Amino acid sequence: MLSQLNRWELGILDWIRDFFQTPFLDAAVPIFTMLGNAGWIWIVISILLMCLPKHRKAGITLAVGLICQLVVCNLLLKNLIARDRPCWINEAVTLLVENPTDFSFPSGHTMVSFIAATILFMYNRKWGYIAFPVAALMGFTRLYLYVHFPTDVLAGAALGILVGVAVTLLMKKFFAFLESRYEIRL
């Protein structure tokens, strides 16, 4: 039996499909969302930043943020909450991507993207101005593809911002400690 919240959210997902669905988006959205699979786009950006001495701290912070997302979202919250995905509930929807096998809440793609956007913003506002729209678009793709409920995406965004801020502040203190105590310059 569906809860009132699930019914309301399925209605939003149905509306998104009815309003936005086009052959172009049916082709483009799965490709874009694939960049978020396992956080690949953010892993690549992290590695690139670590290779540039001027941006090494941002790259390391981003890598730590990605690890935090893996632990908090994929290993803990998804398994503790164990929320079914909308595509598991409404099996009549034709999926444009492979049917996910893990639970729905929160959206990992969204959370990792907002962690990355927040960290990038806190190191360089110009990076954030690019990363936040990318993160929001990543969240939208999860709704368009019918693999997450709206509250999964909203929670992923909120948790991503919180984790991104916390990781950045902690890592900046850690870097300052290393530099002052051990004279290690990253």
C-alpha atoms as a PDB file:
ATOM      1  CA  MET A   1       0.000   0.000   0.000  1.00  0.00           C
ATOM      2  CA  LEU A   2       1.386   3.369  -1.035  1.00  0.00           C
ATOM      3  CA  SER A   3       1.780   6.161   1.477  1.00  0.00           C
ATOM      4  CA  GLN A   4       0.277   9.567   0.762  1.00  0.00           C
ATOM      5  CA  LEU A   5       3.798  10.973   0.297  1.00  0.00           C
ATOM      6  CA  ASN A   6       4.718   8.282  -2.234  1.00  0.00           C
ATOM      7  CA  ARG A   7       1.508   8.909  -4.203  1.00  0.00           C
ATOM      8  CA  TRP A   8       2.163  12.658  -4.242  1.00  0.00           C
ATOM      9  CA  GLU A   9       5.769  12.141  -5.343  1.00  0.00           C
ATOM     10  CA  LEU A  10       4.835   9.627  -8.036  1.00  0.00           C
ATOM     11  CA  GLY A  11       2.436  12.275  -9.349  1.00  0.00           C
ATOM     12  CA  ILE A  12       5.337  14.738  -9.608  1.00  0.00           C
ATOM     13  CA  LEU A  13       7.457  12.161 -11.442  1.00  0.00           C
ATOM     14  CA  ASP A  14       4.613  11.420 -13.842  1.00  0.00           C
ATOM     15  CA  TRP A  15       4.179  15.150 -14.466  1.00  0.00           C
ATOM     16  CA  ILE A  16       7.925  15.538 -15.181  1.00  0.00           C
ATOM     17  CA  ARG A  17       7.767  12.714 -17.707  1.00  0.00           C
ATOM     18  CA  ASP A  18       4.623  14.117 -19.340  1.00  0.00           C
ATOM     19  CA  PHE A  19       5.885  17.707 -19.442  1.00  0.00           C
ATOM     20  CA  PHE A  20       9.594  17.317 -20.251  1.00  0.00           C
ATOM     21  CA  GLN A  21       9.907  14.040 -22.128  1.00  0.00           C
ATOM     22  CA  THR A  22      11.277  14.419 -25.648  1.00  0.00           C
ATOM     23  CA  PRO A  23      13.369  12.127 -27.840  1.00  0.00           C
ATOM     24  CA  PHE A  24      16.342  14.476 -27.358  1.00  0.00           C
ATOM     25  CA  LEU A  25      16.136  14.341 -23.550  1.00  0.00           C
ATOM     26  CA  ASP A  26      15.509  10.588 -23.656  1.00  0.00           C
ATOM     27  CA  ALA A  27      18.901  10.316 -25.362  1.00  0.00           C
ATOM     28  CA  ALA A  28      20.805  13.066 -23.493  1.00  0.00           C
ATOM     29  CA  VAL A  29      19.677  12.510 -19.891  1.00  0.00           C
ATOM     30  CA  PRO A  30      21.009   8.938 -19.551  1.00  0.00           C
ATOM     31  CA  ILE A  31      24.378  10.088 -20.889  1.00  0.00           C
ATOM     32  CA  PHE A  32      24.553  13.029 -18.480  1.00  0.00           C
ATOM     33  CA  THR A  33      23.462  10.978 -15.474  1.00  0.00           C
ATOM     34  CA  MET A  34      26.085   8.360 -16.353  1.00  0.00           C
ATOM     35  CA  LEU A  35      28.747  10.970 -15.536  1.00  0.00           C
ATOM     36  CA  GLY A  36      27.487  10.780 -11.963  1.00  0.00           C
ATOM     37  CA  ASN A  37      27.688   6.982 -11.748  1.00  0.00           C
ATOM     38  CA  ALA A  38      30.093   6.281  -8.877  1.00  0.00           C
ATOM     39  CA  GLY A  39      30.887  10.024  -8.929  1.00  0.00           C
ATOM     40  CA  TRP A  40      33.184   9.629 -11.946  1.00  0.00           C
ATOM     41  CA  ILE A  41      32.992  13.222 -13.105  1.00  0.00           C
ATOM     42  CA  TRP A  42      33.924  14.447  -9.626  1.00  0.00           C
ATOM     43  CA  ILE A  43      36.679  11.860  -9.206  1.00  0.00           C
ATOM     44  CA  VAL A  44      38.282  13.040 -12.446  1.00  0.00           C
ATOM     45  CA  ILE A  45      38.008  16.681 -11.367  1.00  0.00           C
ATOM     46  CA  SER A  46      39.514  15.808  -7.973  1.00  0.00           C
ATOM     47  CA  ILE A  47      42.479  14.066  -9.583  1.00  0.00           C
ATOM     48  CA  LEU A  48      43.025  16.949 -12.009  1.00  0.00           C
ATOM     49  CA  LEU A  49      42.998  19.456  -9.152  1.00  0.00           C
ATOM     50  CA  MET A  50      45.428  17.350  -7.111  1.00  0.00           C
ATOM     51  CA  CYS A  51      47.850  17.414 -10.059  1.00  0.00           C
ATOM     52  CA  LEU A  52      47.917  21.232 -10.017  1.00  0.00           C
ATOM     53  CA  PRO A  53      49.977  22.552  -7.085  1.00  0.00           C
ATOM     54  CA  LYS A  54      47.895  25.734  -6.864  1.00  0.00           C
ATOM     55  CA  HIS A  55      44.674  23.693  -6.474  1.00  0.00           C
ATOM     56  CA  ARG A  56      45.981  20.594  -4.691  1.00  0.00           C
ATOM     57  CA  LYS A  57      44.153  21.353  -1.419  1.00  0.00           C
ATOM     58  CA  ALA A  58      40.849  21.682  -3.264  1.00  0.00           C
ATOM     59  CA  GLY A  59      41.472  18.356  -5.013  1.00  0.00           C
ATOM     60  CA  ILE A  60      42.316  16.569  -1.759  1.00  0.00           C
ATOM     61  CA  THR A  61      39.283  18.101  -0.044  1.00  0.00           C
ATOM     62  CA  LEU A  62      37.085  16.991  -2.925  1.00  0.00           C
ATOM     63  CA  ALA A  63      38.461  13.440  -2.678  1.00  0.00           C
ATOM     64  CA  VAL A  64      37.702  13.363   1.061  1.00  0.00           C
ATOM     65  CA  GLY A  65      34.193  14.656   0.347  1.00  0.00           C
ATOM     66  CA  LEU A  66      33.625  11.890  -2.192  1.00  0.00           C
ATOM     67  CA  ILE A  67      34.719   9.266   0.349  1.00  0.00           C
ATOM     68  CA  CYS A  68      32.366  10.781   2.941  1.00  0.00           C
ATOM     69  CA  GLN A  69      29.485  10.536   0.473  1.00  0.00           C
ATOM     70  CA  LEU A  70      30.233   6.885  -0.166  1.00  0.00           C
ATOM     71  CA  VAL A  71      30.158   6.096   3.544  1.00  0.00           C
ATOM     72  CA  VAL A  72      27.272   8.347   4.629  1.00  0.00           C
ATOM     73  CA  CYS A  73      24.963   7.804   1.660  1.00  0.00           C
ATOM     74  CA  ASN A  74      25.709   4.502  -0.007  1.00  0.00           C
ATOM     75  CA  LEU A  75      26.856   2.437   2.961  1.00  0.00           C
ATOM     76  CA  LEU A  76      24.774   3.924   5.799  1.00  0.00           C
ATOM     77  CA  LEU A  77      21.660   5.907   4.905  1.00  0.00           C
ATOM     78  CA  LYS A  78      20.457   3.943   1.878  1.00  0.00           C
ATOM     79  CA  ASN A  79      20.656   0.675   3.817  1.00  0.00           C
ATOM     80  CA  LEU A  80      19.243   2.056   7.079  1.00  0.00           C
ATOM     81  CA  ILE A  81      16.258   3.747   5.422  1.00  0.00           C
ATOM     82  CA  ALA A  82      15.794   1.092   2.711  1.00  0.00           C
ATOM     83  CA  ARG A  83      13.303   3.100   0.654  1.00  0.00           C
ATOM     84  CA  ASP A  84      12.092   1.461  -2.535  1.00  0.00           C
ATOM     85  CA  ARG A  85      12.708   3.317  -5.755  1.00  0.00           C
ATOM     86  CA  PRO A  86       9.766   4.774  -7.691  1.00  0.00           C
ATOM     87  CA  CYS A  87      10.583   2.547 -10.667  1.00  0.00           C
ATOM     88  CA  TRP A  88      10.184  -0.486  -8.379  1.00  0.00           C
ATOM     89  CA  ILE A  89       6.749   0.730  -7.287  1.00  0.00           C
ATOM     90  CA  ASN A  90       5.473   1.835 -10.704  1.00  0.00           C
ATOM     91  CA  GLU A  91       6.793  -0.962 -12.892  1.00  0.00           C
ATOM     92  CA  ALA A  92       4.769   0.314 -15.866  1.00  0.00           C
ATOM     93  CA  VAL A  93       7.386   3.018 -16.489  1.00  0.00           C
ATOM     94  CA  THR A  94       9.882   2.179 -19.211  1.00  0.00           C
ATOM     95  CA  LEU A  95      13.320   2.954 -17.831  1.00  0.00           C
ATOM     96  CA  LEU A  96      15.938   4.645 -19.991  1.00  0.00           C
ATOM     97  CA  VAL A  97      18.744   3.310 -17.773  1.00  0.00           C
ATOM     98  CA  GLU A  98      19.422  -0.002 -16.111  1.00  0.00           C
ATOM     99  CA  ASN A  99      17.141  -0.631 -13.137  1.00  0.00           C
ATOM    100  CA  PRO A 100      19.145   0.303 -10.012  1.00  0.00           C
ATOM    101  CA  THR A 101      19.632  -2.422  -7.419  1.00  0.00           C
ATOM    102  CA  ASP A 102      20.325  -0.246  -4.369  1.00  0.00           C
ATOM    103  CA  PHE A 103      17.778   1.704  -2.341  1.00  0.00           C
ATOM    104  CA  SER A 104      16.510   5.168  -3.166  1.00  0.00           C
ATOM    105  CA  PHE A 105      16.991   7.529  -0.200  1.00  0.00           C
ATOM    106  CA  PRO A 106      18.952   9.756  -0.491  1.00  0.00           C
ATOM    107  CA  SER A 107      19.979  10.236  -4.103  1.00  0.00           C
ATOM    108  CA  GLY A 108      23.674   9.409  -4.279  1.00  0.00           C
ATOM    109  CA  HIS A 109      24.146  11.122  -7.648  1.00  0.00           C
ATOM    110  CA  THR A 110      22.632  14.306  -6.229  1.00  0.00           C
ATOM    111  CA  MET A 111      24.453  14.128  -2.905  1.00  0.00           C
ATOM    112  CA  VAL A 112      27.891  13.609  -4.437  1.00  0.00           C
ATOM    113  CA  SER A 113      27.260  16.385  -6.952  1.00  0.00           C
ATOM    114  CA  PHE A 114      26.245  18.872  -4.251  1.00  0.00           C
ATOM    115  CA  ILE A 115      29.197  17.870  -2.058  1.00  0.00           C
ATOM    116  CA  ALA A 116      31.483  18.555  -5.005  1.00  0.00           C
ATOM    117  CA  ALA A 117      29.749  21.817  -5.931  1.00  0.00           C
ATOM    118  CA  THR A 118      29.929  23.062  -2.343  1.00  0.00           C
ATOM    119  CA  ILE A 119      33.615  22.214  -1.958  1.00  0.00           C
ATOM    120  CA  LEU A 120      34.465  23.758  -5.311  1.00  0.00           C
ATOM    121  CA  PHE A 121      32.468  26.877  -4.424  1.00  0.00           C
ATOM    122  CA  MET A 122      34.220  27.210  -1.067  1.00  0.00           C
ATOM    123  CA  TYR A 123      37.616  27.076  -2.768  1.00  0.00           C
ATOM    124  CA  ASN A 124      36.742  29.168  -5.800  1.00  0.00           C
ATOM    125  CA  ARG A 125      33.357  30.827  -6.271  1.00  0.00           C
ATOM    126  CA  LYS A 126      33.681  30.740 -10.078  1.00  0.00           C
ATOM    127  CA  TRP A 127      33.996  26.942  -9.962  1.00  0.00           C
ATOM    128  CA  GLY A 128      30.888  26.826  -7.800  1.00  0.00           C
ATOM    129  CA  TYR A 129      28.911  28.943 -10.247  1.00  0.00           C
ATOM    130  CA  ILE A 130      29.493  26.182 -12.781  1.00  0.00           C
ATOM    131  CA  ALA A 131      29.269  23.207 -10.400  1.00  0.00           C
ATOM    132  CA  PHE A 132      25.975  24.089  -8.678  1.00  0.00           C
ATOM    133  CA  PRO A 133      23.922  24.149 -11.906  1.00  0.00           C
ATOM    134  CA  VAL A 134      25.593  20.865 -12.896  1.00  0.00           C
ATOM    135  CA  ALA A 135      24.618  19.399  -9.506  1.00  0.00           C
ATOM    136  CA  ALA A 136      21.037  20.622  -9.851  1.00  0.00           C
ATOM    137  CA  LEU A 137      20.839  19.176 -13.350  1.00  0.00           C
ATOM    138  CA  MET A 138      22.178  15.870 -12.024  1.00  0.00           C
ATOM    139  CA  GLY A 139      19.367  15.822  -9.459  1.00  0.00           C
ATOM    140  CA  PHE A 140      16.803  16.571 -12.158  1.00  0.00           C
ATOM    141  CA  THR A 141      18.074  13.690 -14.296  1.00  0.00           C
ATOM    142  CA  ARG A 142      17.338  11.292 -11.441  1.00  0.00           C
ATOM    143  CA  LEU A 143      13.719  12.473 -11.424  1.00  0.00           C
ATOM    144  CA  TYR A 144      13.422  12.426 -15.211  1.00  0.00           C
ATOM    145  CA  LEU A 145      14.706   8.855 -15.258  1.00  0.00           C
ATOM    146  CA  TYR A 146      12.134   7.844 -12.615  1.00  0.00           C
ATOM    147  CA  VAL A 147      14.799   6.311 -10.355  1.00  0.00           C
ATOM    148  CA  HIS A 148      14.403   8.705  -7.393  1.00  0.00           C
ATOM    149  CA  PHE A 149      11.571  10.426  -5.593  1.00  0.00           C
ATOM    150  CA  PRO A 150      11.721  14.237  -5.270  1.00  0.00           C
ATOM    151  CA  THR A 151      12.445  13.942  -1.545  1.00  0.00           C
ATOM    152  CA  ASP A 152      15.409  11.658  -2.340  1.00  0.00           C
ATOM    153  CA  VAL A 153      16.858  14.400  -4.526  1.00  0.00           C
ATOM    154  CA  LEU A 154      16.084  17.209  -2.067  1.00  0.00           C
ATOM    155  CA  ALA A 155      17.664  15.238   0.782  1.00  0.00           C
ATOM    156  CA  GLY A 156      20.680  14.442  -1.400  1.00  0.00           C
ATOM    157  CA  ALA A 157      21.139  18.143  -2.179  1.00  0.00           C
ATOM    158  CA  ALA A 158      20.745  19.261   1.444  1.00  0.00           C
ATOM    159  CA  LEU A 159      23.019  16.543   2.815  1.00  0.00           C
ATOM    160  CA  GLY A 160      25.525  17.231   0.051  1.00  0.00           C
ATOM    161  CA  ILE A 161      25.747  20.911   0.975  1.00  0.00           C
ATOM    162  CA  LEU A 162      26.087  20.074   4.697  1.00  0.00           C
ATOM    163  CA  VAL A 163      28.771  17.463   4.110  1.00  0.00           C
ATOM    164  CA  GLY A 164      30.561  19.714   1.615  1.00  0.00           C
ATOM    165  CA  VAL A 165      30.714  22.602   4.106  1.00  0.00           C
ATOM    166  CA  ALA A 166      31.797  20.332   6.981  1.00  0.00           C
ATOM    167  CA  VAL A 167      34.498  18.580   4.954  1.00  0.00           C
ATOM    168  CA  THR A 168      35.861  21.867   3.601  1.00  0.00           C
ATOM    169  CA  LEU A 169      36.055  23.501   7.036  1.00  0.00           C
ATOM    170  CA  LEU A 170      37.669  20.420   8.603  1.00  0.00           C
ATOM    171  CA  MET A 171      40.170  19.991   5.786  1.00  0.00           C
ATOM    172  CA  LYS A 172      41.173  23.672   5.853  1.00  0.00           C
ATOM    173  CA  LYS A 173      41.884  23.295   9.585  1.00  0.00           C
ATOM    174  CA  PHE A 174      43.790  20.072   8.899  1.00  0.00           C
ATOM    175  CA  PHE A 175      45.915  21.736   6.211  1.00  0.00           C
ATOM    176  CA  ALA A 176      46.642  24.675   8.541  1.00  0.00           C
ATOM    177  CA  PHE A 177      47.650  22.210  11.278  1.00  0.00           C
ATOM    178  CA  LEU A 178      49.997  20.360   8.922  1.00  0.00           C
ATOM    179  CA  GLU A 179      51.564  23.596   7.763  1.00  0.00           C
ATOM    180  CA  SER A 180      52.021  25.075  11.229  1.00  0.00           C
ATOM    181  CA  ARG A 181      53.006  21.962  13.139  1.00  0.00           C
ATOM    182  CA  TYR A 182      55.017  19.995  10.593  1.00  0.00           C
ATOM    183  CA  GLU A 183      55.779  22.700   8.003  1.00  0.00           C
ATOM    184  CA  ILE A 184      54.198  20.496   5.311  1.00  0.00           C
ATOM    185  CA  ARG A 185      53.111  22.552   2.313  1.00  0.00           C
ATOM    186  CA  LEU A 186      50.621  20.999  -0.027  1.00  0.00           C
END
